[in-house]
Protein backbone atom coordinates (compact mmCIF):
# COMPACT_ATOMS: atom_id res chain seq x y z
CA UNK A 1 -0.08 0.18 -0.08
CA UNK A 2 1.28 3.32 -0.92
CA UNK A 3 2.03 5.64 1.96
CA UNK A 4 1.83 9.53 2.11
CA UNK A 5 2.72 12.16 4.70
CA UNK A 6 0.19 15.14 4.54
CA UNK A 7 1.36 18.02 6.64
CA UNK A 8 -0.88 20.43 8.78
CA UNK A 9 -0.05 23.76 10.12
CA UNK A 10 -2.28 26.35 11.84
CA UNK A 11 -4.14 28.13 9.07
CA UNK A 12 -4.14 25.20 6.68
CA UNK A 13 -6.85 25.35 3.96
CA UNK A 14 -9.53 22.54 5.42
CA UNK A 15 -11.07 21.79 1.86
CA UNK A 16 -7.76 21.08 0.30
CA UNK A 17 -6.26 19.01 3.14
CA UNK A 18 -9.54 16.83 3.97
CA UNK A 19 -10.66 16.39 0.34
CA UNK A 20 -6.92 15.06 -0.42
CA UNK A 21 -7.08 12.82 2.64
CA UNK A 22 -10.48 11.44 1.89
CA UNK A 23 -10.08 10.65 -1.92
CA UNK A 24 -6.57 9.02 -1.19
CA UNK A 25 -8.16 6.95 1.54
CA UNK A 26 -10.77 5.77 -0.67
CA UNK A 27 -8.27 4.84 -3.05
CA UNK A 28 -6.46 2.67 -0.53
CA UNK A 29 -3.45 5.09 0.09
CA UNK A 30 -2.11 5.08 3.84
CA UNK A 31 -2.43 8.83 4.57
CA UNK A 32 -0.53 10.05 7.89
CA UNK A 33 -1.70 13.59 8.60
CA UNK A 34 1.29 15.40 10.23
CA UNK A 35 1.30 18.30 12.43
CA UNK A 36 3.93 20.79 12.23
CA UNK A 37 2.80 22.90 15.08
CA UNK A 38 4.09 20.63 18.06
CA UNK A 39 0.41 19.85 19.03
CA UNK A 40 -1.62 17.04 17.44
CA UNK A 41 -4.80 19.57 17.21
CA UNK A 42 -4.16 21.82 14.16
CA UNK A 43 -6.50 24.93 13.81
CA UNK A 44 -7.86 25.40 10.19
CA UNK A 45 -8.25 28.77 8.39
CA UNK A 46 -11.89 28.65 8.52
CA UNK A 47 -12.32 27.22 12.24
CA UNK A 48 -12.14 23.50 11.75
CA UNK A 49 -9.65 21.66 13.94
CA UNK A 50 -8.18 18.59 13.10
CA UNK A 51 -6.53 16.12 15.04
CA UNK A 52 -3.52 14.92 13.20
CA UNK A 53 -2.12 11.36 13.28
CA UNK A 54 1.27 12.26 14.17
CA UNK A 55 3.70 15.04 15.25
CA UNK A 56 6.45 15.79 12.87
CA UNK A 57 9.14 14.57 15.29
CA UNK A 58 7.53 11.29 15.31
CA UNK A 59 7.74 10.73 11.43
CA UNK A 60 10.69 12.59 10.29
CA UNK A 61 12.62 9.48 9.57
CA UNK A 62 9.88 7.18 8.39
CA UNK A 63 9.80 6.27 4.70
CA UNK A 64 6.84 7.63 2.52
CA UNK A 65 5.93 7.26 -1.08
CA UNK A 66 5.03 11.01 -1.27
CA UNK A 67 4.95 14.11 0.97
CA UNK A 68 1.84 16.53 0.24
CA UNK A 69 0.96 19.86 1.65
CA UNK A 70 -2.35 21.55 1.55
CA UNK A 71 -2.30 25.36 1.17
CA UNK A 72 -4.08 28.07 3.13
CA UNK A 73 -1.10 29.58 4.48
CA UNK A 74 2.69 30.32 3.55
CA UNK A 75 3.73 29.62 7.23
CA UNK A 76 4.89 26.35 6.08
CA UNK A 77 7.96 27.82 4.52
CA UNK A 78 9.20 28.78 8.10
CA UNK A 79 9.22 25.17 9.08
CA UNK A 80 12.92 24.25 8.35
CA UNK A 81 12.43 20.38 9.14
CA UNK A 82 9.84 20.36 6.30
CA UNK A 83 12.11 22.25 3.98
CA UNK A 84 14.86 19.73 4.42
CA UNK A 85 12.78 16.79 4.12
CA UNK A 86 11.22 18.15 0.66
CA UNK A 87 15.01 19.04 -0.61
CA UNK A 88 15.99 15.34 0.24
CA UNK A 89 12.91 13.80 -1.38
CA UNK A 90 13.43 15.86 -4.28
CA UNK A 91 17.17 15.05 -4.68
CA UNK A 92 16.06 11.47 -4.29
CA UNK A 93 13.37 11.87 -7.07
CA UNK A 94 10.75 10.94 -4.55
CA UNK A 95 7.06 12.31 -5.05
CA UNK A 96 5.95 15.85 -3.92
CA UNK A 97 2.85 17.63 -4.01
CA UNK A 98 1.47 20.95 -2.89
CA UNK A 99 -1.69 22.98 -3.46
CA UNK A 100 -2.55 26.68 -3.39
CA UNK A 101 -0.41 28.69 -1.39
CA UNK A 102 1.84 25.36 -0.38
CA UNK A 103 3.77 25.21 -3.66
CA UNK A 104 5.94 28.38 -1.88
CA UNK A 105 7.58 25.76 0.32
CA UNK A 106 9.05 24.01 -3.08
CA UNK A 107 10.13 27.71 -4.18
CA UNK A 108 11.87 28.57 -1.00
CA UNK A 109 13.39 25.10 -0.95
CA UNK A 110 14.89 26.01 -4.27
CA UNK A 111 13.57 22.79 -6.06
CA UNK A 112 11.45 24.56 -8.96
CA UNK A 113 14.01 25.78 -11.27
CA UNK A 114 12.98 25.06 -14.92
CA UNK A 115 9.88 22.96 -13.73
CA UNK A 116 6.14 23.63 -14.46
CA UNK A 117 4.27 24.51 -11.48
CA UNK A 118 1.07 26.41 -10.40
CA UNK A 119 -0.22 28.06 -7.06
CA UNK A 120 -3.05 30.16 -6.22
CA UNK A 121 -3.56 32.95 -8.41
CA UNK A 122 -1.31 36.06 -7.41
CA UNK A 123 1.27 34.06 -5.54
CA UNK A 124 3.57 33.10 -8.43
CA UNK A 125 6.23 35.23 -6.91
CA UNK A 126 6.79 32.61 -4.43
CA UNK A 127 7.37 29.95 -7.11
CA UNK A 128 11.28 31.01 -7.28
CA UNK A 129 12.66 29.55 -10.73
CA UNK A 130 9.62 27.87 -11.93
CA UNK A 131 8.12 27.84 -15.31
CA UNK A 132 4.23 28.96 -14.36
CA UNK A 133 2.15 26.36 -15.83
CA UNK A 134 -1.45 26.91 -17.19
CA UNK A 135 -3.49 23.86 -16.01
CA UNK A 136 -5.25 23.61 -12.59
CA UNK A 137 -2.95 20.76 -11.66
CA UNK A 138 0.55 20.51 -13.01
CA UNK A 139 2.75 17.42 -12.78
CA UNK A 140 6.43 17.90 -13.87
CA UNK A 141 8.81 14.89 -13.13
CA UNK A 142 8.29 14.17 -9.35
CA UNK A 143 6.49 17.30 -8.53
CA UNK A 144 2.57 17.93 -8.73
CA UNK A 145 1.13 21.48 -7.85
CA UNK A 146 -2.32 22.82 -7.95
CA UNK A 147 -4.18 26.17 -7.85
CA UNK A 148 -6.42 26.13 -4.95
CA UNK A 149 -9.62 24.81 -3.23
CA UNK A 150 -11.78 24.53 -6.09
CA UNK A 151 -9.10 22.06 -7.61
CA UNK A 152 -8.50 20.00 -4.62
CA UNK A 153 -10.64 16.99 -5.84
CA UNK A 154 -8.55 17.02 -9.22
CA UNK A 155 -5.35 17.43 -7.26
CA UNK A 156 -6.12 14.63 -4.99
CA UNK A 157 -7.23 12.41 -8.04
CA UNK A 158 -3.74 13.11 -9.92
CA UNK A 159 -2.09 12.15 -6.52
CA UNK A 160 -4.12 8.79 -6.51
CA UNK A 161 -3.21 8.07 -9.99
CA UNK A 162 0.34 8.71 -9.42
CA UNK A 163 0.32 6.47 -6.34
CA UNK A 164 -2.16 3.81 -7.26
CA UNK A 165 -2.55 3.92 -11.01
CA UNK A 166 -5.19 4.92 -13.38
CA UNK A 167 -7.72 2.43 -12.55
CA UNK A 168 -7.94 3.37 -9.04
CA UNK A 169 -8.05 7.08 -9.73
CA UNK A 170 -11.05 6.38 -12.44
CA UNK A 171 -12.76 4.27 -9.68
CA UNK A 172 -12.96 7.00 -7.07
CA UNK A 173 -13.56 9.58 -9.82
CA UNK A 174 -16.78 7.63 -10.68
CA UNK A 175 -17.62 7.01 -7.10
CA UNK A 176 -17.09 10.69 -6.33
CA UNK A 177 -19.34 11.63 -9.32
CA UNK A 178 -16.49 13.74 -10.97
CA UNK A 179 -17.75 12.74 -14.41
CA UNK A 180 -20.99 14.68 -13.65
CA UNK A 181 -18.84 17.99 -13.31
CA UNK A 182 -16.95 17.26 -16.46
CA UNK A 183 -19.95 17.00 -18.61
């Protein structure tokens, strides 16, 4: 079973975090929500508190198939442990994903040079070195980025496809009624 660490910090965007967790778990991905605050209770941007599965220091040495960061805030860029982990995963060619404001982490980590990436509109200056993409979800090599809350379903489905294959993503997409949105 594929394993993913999804990071939470106070001010995270609930739609992006919880939609991604939900879709990935439907697709049989083992998702560990990881608090970067030092407390397992993490406060969402819109007043939704989430009880994280683990604290950063409890999982920092565990292997994951992907690291994912929901948006809502650029505060993620101030967590040196996360930045180091992102740099290491990129160097090893491991999968990384971020949505909305969170691709700023990849910009600050210096891993976007010459790669297509997207973020919440108006925040492109955070994507240091990136080629700004046009799609709502962009995958360039081992890095997947997405624009924001309304793209969360498509972001999560792309991650599921990357981790579990096209069939798993199509099955969850159908159960989630995404074909109705596309028609």
